[in-house]
Amino acid sequence: LVSAGNSIDVANQKYSTSTFTFSSCTTCTTLSTVSTTVNINLGKNTASTTSAASSTYWGLSVPNGSPVGTYTGTTTFLGITNQ
């Protein structure tokens, strides 16, 4: 995450497929600067009007002394099917 030359490192960002408490998370993964595969098992759609969905939960630890600002970043999700 960046804001006018300031940043919050990926090591301060975590995600999981279930809710968690940032400081004691045992099921979450620290965000990485390289592509990471996360298996999310979605049911197969049987009708064109049915959609499959799953939640991903994010946590952020803002380091003490971080300048106030609007921090932005991009996370890309790519769905891959296993046949």
Protein backbone atom coordinates (compact mmCIF):
# COMPACT_ATOMS: atom_id res chain seq x y z
CA LEU A 1 0.00 0.00 0.00
CA VAL A 2 1.39 3.40 -0.93
CA SER A 3 0.57 7.02 -0.22
CA ALA A 4 2.65 9.90 -1.55
CA GLY A 5 5.98 8.09 -1.20
CA ASN A 6 5.05 6.33 2.06
CA SER A 7 4.18 2.66 2.21
CA ILE A 8 2.81 -0.14 4.37
CA ASP A 9 4.75 -3.32 3.60
CA VAL A 10 3.05 -6.54 2.47
CA ALA A 11 4.35 -8.18 5.68
CA ASN A 12 1.72 -6.09 7.53
CA GLN A 13 -1.13 -7.50 5.45
CA LYS A 14 -2.75 -10.91 5.94
CA TYR A 15 -5.64 -12.82 4.40
CA SER A 16 -7.65 -15.95 5.12
CA THR A 17 -10.74 -17.80 3.98
CA SER A 18 -12.18 -17.43 7.51
CA THR A 19 -12.41 -14.59 10.01
CA PHE A 20 -9.35 -14.02 12.19
CA THR A 21 -7.64 -11.83 14.76
CA PHE A 22 -4.53 -10.31 13.18
CA SER A 23 -2.13 -10.75 16.10
CA SER A 24 -2.98 -14.39 16.81
CA CYS A 25 -3.95 -15.76 13.41
CA THR A 26 -3.02 -19.40 12.80
CA THR A 27 -5.04 -19.86 9.59
CA CYS A 28 -4.08 -16.73 7.71
CA THR A 29 -1.33 -16.06 5.19
CA THR A 30 0.91 -13.01 4.99
CA LEU A 31 0.48 -11.18 1.71
CA SER A 32 3.34 -11.66 -0.74
CA THR A 33 4.81 -9.71 -3.64
CA VAL A 34 4.69 -12.87 -5.78
CA SER A 35 1.68 -14.82 -7.03
CA THR A 36 0.21 -17.19 -4.47
CA THR A 37 -2.31 -19.97 -5.04
CA VAL A 38 -5.15 -20.31 -2.54
CA ASN A 39 -7.49 -23.25 -2.96
CA ILE A 40 -11.10 -22.24 -2.47
CA ASN A 41 -13.52 -25.06 -3.11
CA LEU A 42 -16.65 -23.71 -4.78
CA GLY A 43 -19.59 -25.86 -5.71
CA LYS A 44 -20.20 -26.45 -9.39
CA ASN A 45 -22.96 -24.35 -10.89
CA THR A 46 -25.82 -26.40 -12.28
CA ALA A 47 -27.84 -23.56 -13.78
CA SER A 48 -26.88 -20.40 -15.61
CA THR A 49 -28.67 -18.30 -12.97
CA THR A 50 -26.78 -19.85 -10.04
CA SER A 51 -23.52 -18.30 -8.93
CA ALA A 52 -20.74 -19.66 -6.77
CA ALA A 53 -19.22 -17.41 -4.11
CA SER A 54 -16.72 -17.48 -1.29
CA SER A 55 -15.35 -14.84 1.09
CA THR A 56 -11.75 -13.77 1.57
CA TYR A 57 -10.92 -11.85 4.75
CA TRP A 58 -8.16 -9.25 5.00
CA GLY A 59 -6.26 -7.81 7.93
CA LEU A 60 -3.93 -4.84 8.07
CA SER A 61 -1.48 -3.76 10.76
CA VAL A 62 -0.51 -0.12 10.36
CA PRO A 63 2.97 0.40 11.85
CA ASN A 64 3.33 3.08 14.56
CA GLY A 65 4.55 6.32 13.07
CA SER A 66 2.99 5.74 9.66
CA PRO A 67 2.03 9.08 8.13
CA VAL A 68 -1.68 9.79 7.83
CA GLY A 69 -2.92 9.49 4.26
CA THR A 70 -4.97 7.54 1.79
CA TYR A 71 -3.04 4.38 0.99
CA THR A 72 -3.88 2.46 -2.16
CA GLY A 73 -2.84 -0.84 -3.71
CA THR A 74 -4.05 -3.54 -6.06
CA THR A 75 -4.81 -7.18 -5.46
CA THR A 76 -5.68 -9.37 -8.43
CA PHE A 77 -7.83 -12.49 -8.17
CA LEU A 78 -7.77 -15.06 -10.95
CA GLY A 79 -10.18 -17.98 -10.95
CA ILE A 80 -8.86 -21.30 -12.22
CA THR A 81 -10.98 -24.40 -12.64
CA ASN A 82 -9.81 -27.91 -11.93
CA GLN A 83 -11.52 -30.36 -14.22
